[in-house]
Amino acid sequence: MPSEYFTAGNIYVGCEAAEKSLPWVAQFLGADHIAFPTAFPHTFTFERFVEEVRGFIERKDLPPDLSRKILWDNPKRLYGI
């Protein structure tokens, strides 16, 4: 099944900061395969990027551990940092 490709850890997906379905996607696919999208500085100023991250952290529908995975843990693993 396609979901098995995600749960095997071979594919990561980016999410939009305000994506309303994100809690459901994280529950269905697993929180270990989602990364915060950054194409900075392509379309955002630094200030706008900071606002996006801050707004993401302040979302009430995402537990802090999920926000941390999406913002830090998963990208760190993806890029081998």
Protein backbone atom coordinates (compact mmCIF):
# COMPACT_ATOMS: atom_id res chain seq x y z
CA MET A 1 0.00 0.00 0.00
CA PRO A 2 1.21 3.56 -0.59
CA SER A 3 1.07 4.31 3.13
CA GLU A 4 3.73 1.62 3.68
CA TYR A 5 6.25 3.71 1.72
CA PHE A 6 5.76 6.53 4.21
CA THR A 7 5.87 4.38 7.30
CA ALA A 8 9.06 2.68 6.07
CA GLY A 9 10.81 6.03 6.50
CA ASN A 10 11.85 6.53 2.89
CA ILE A 11 9.59 9.48 2.10
CA TYR A 12 9.10 12.80 3.82
CA VAL A 13 6.40 15.32 3.05
CA GLY A 14 6.38 19.04 3.62
CA CYS A 15 3.44 20.75 5.21
CA GLU A 16 2.11 24.25 5.10
CA ALA A 17 2.21 26.08 8.41
CA ALA A 18 -1.57 26.54 8.47
CA GLU A 19 -2.53 23.15 7.01
CA LYS A 20 -5.75 22.22 8.81
CA SER A 21 -5.47 18.48 8.12
CA LEU A 22 -1.98 18.24 9.62
CA PRO A 23 -3.03 16.56 12.90
CA TRP A 24 -4.91 13.89 10.94
CA VAL A 25 -2.06 13.37 8.48
CA ALA A 26 0.42 13.00 11.33
CA GLN A 27 -1.82 10.45 12.98
CA PHE A 28 -2.45 8.50 9.77
CA LEU A 29 1.03 8.52 8.23
CA GLY A 30 3.05 8.96 11.38
CA ALA A 31 4.63 12.11 12.73
CA ASP A 32 8.14 10.99 11.79
CA HIS A 33 7.69 11.70 8.09
CA ILE A 34 6.57 15.34 8.01
CA ALA A 35 8.88 18.34 7.77
CA PHE A 36 8.27 22.06 7.93
CA PRO A 37 8.71 23.48 4.43
CA THR A 38 11.50 25.95 3.97
CA ALA A 39 12.52 27.51 0.74
CA PHE A 40 13.86 30.52 2.61
CA PRO A 41 14.81 33.02 1.26
CA HIS A 42 13.01 32.29 -2.01
CA THR A 43 9.63 33.80 -1.24
CA PHE A 44 9.80 35.06 2.35
CA THR A 45 11.76 37.73 4.07
CA PHE A 46 13.50 36.59 7.23
CA GLU A 47 10.85 38.34 9.31
CA ARG A 48 8.03 36.59 7.44
CA PHE A 49 9.76 33.23 7.88
CA VAL A 50 10.03 33.85 11.65
CA GLU A 51 6.31 34.74 11.72
CA GLU A 52 5.45 31.49 9.93
CA VAL A 53 7.45 29.42 12.41
CA ARG A 54 6.03 31.29 15.39
CA GLY A 55 2.49 30.82 14.10
CA PHE A 56 3.16 27.12 13.60
CA ILE A 57 4.44 26.72 17.16
CA GLU A 58 1.40 28.56 18.53
CA ARG A 59 -1.14 26.31 16.82
CA LYS A 60 -3.57 24.92 19.39
CA ASP A 61 -4.35 21.76 17.42
CA LEU A 62 -0.75 20.48 17.43
CA PRO A 63 0.83 19.07 20.56
CA PRO A 64 4.28 20.51 21.33
CA ASP A 65 6.01 17.18 20.65
CA LEU A 66 4.50 17.05 17.14
CA SER A 67 5.55 20.64 16.44
CA ARG A 68 9.09 19.81 17.54
CA LYS A 69 9.23 16.74 15.29
CA ILE A 70 8.04 18.70 12.27
CA LEU A 71 10.26 21.73 12.92
CA TRP A 72 13.42 20.05 14.17
CA ASP A 73 13.66 16.29 14.67
CA ASN A 74 12.45 15.19 11.24
CA PRO A 75 14.42 17.73 9.16
CA LYS A 76 17.52 16.92 11.24
CA ARG A 77 17.15 13.22 10.40
CA LEU A 78 16.24 13.92 6.76
CA TYR A 79 19.32 16.05 6.14
CA GLY A 80 21.65 14.02 8.35
CA ILE A 81 22.47 16.94 10.63
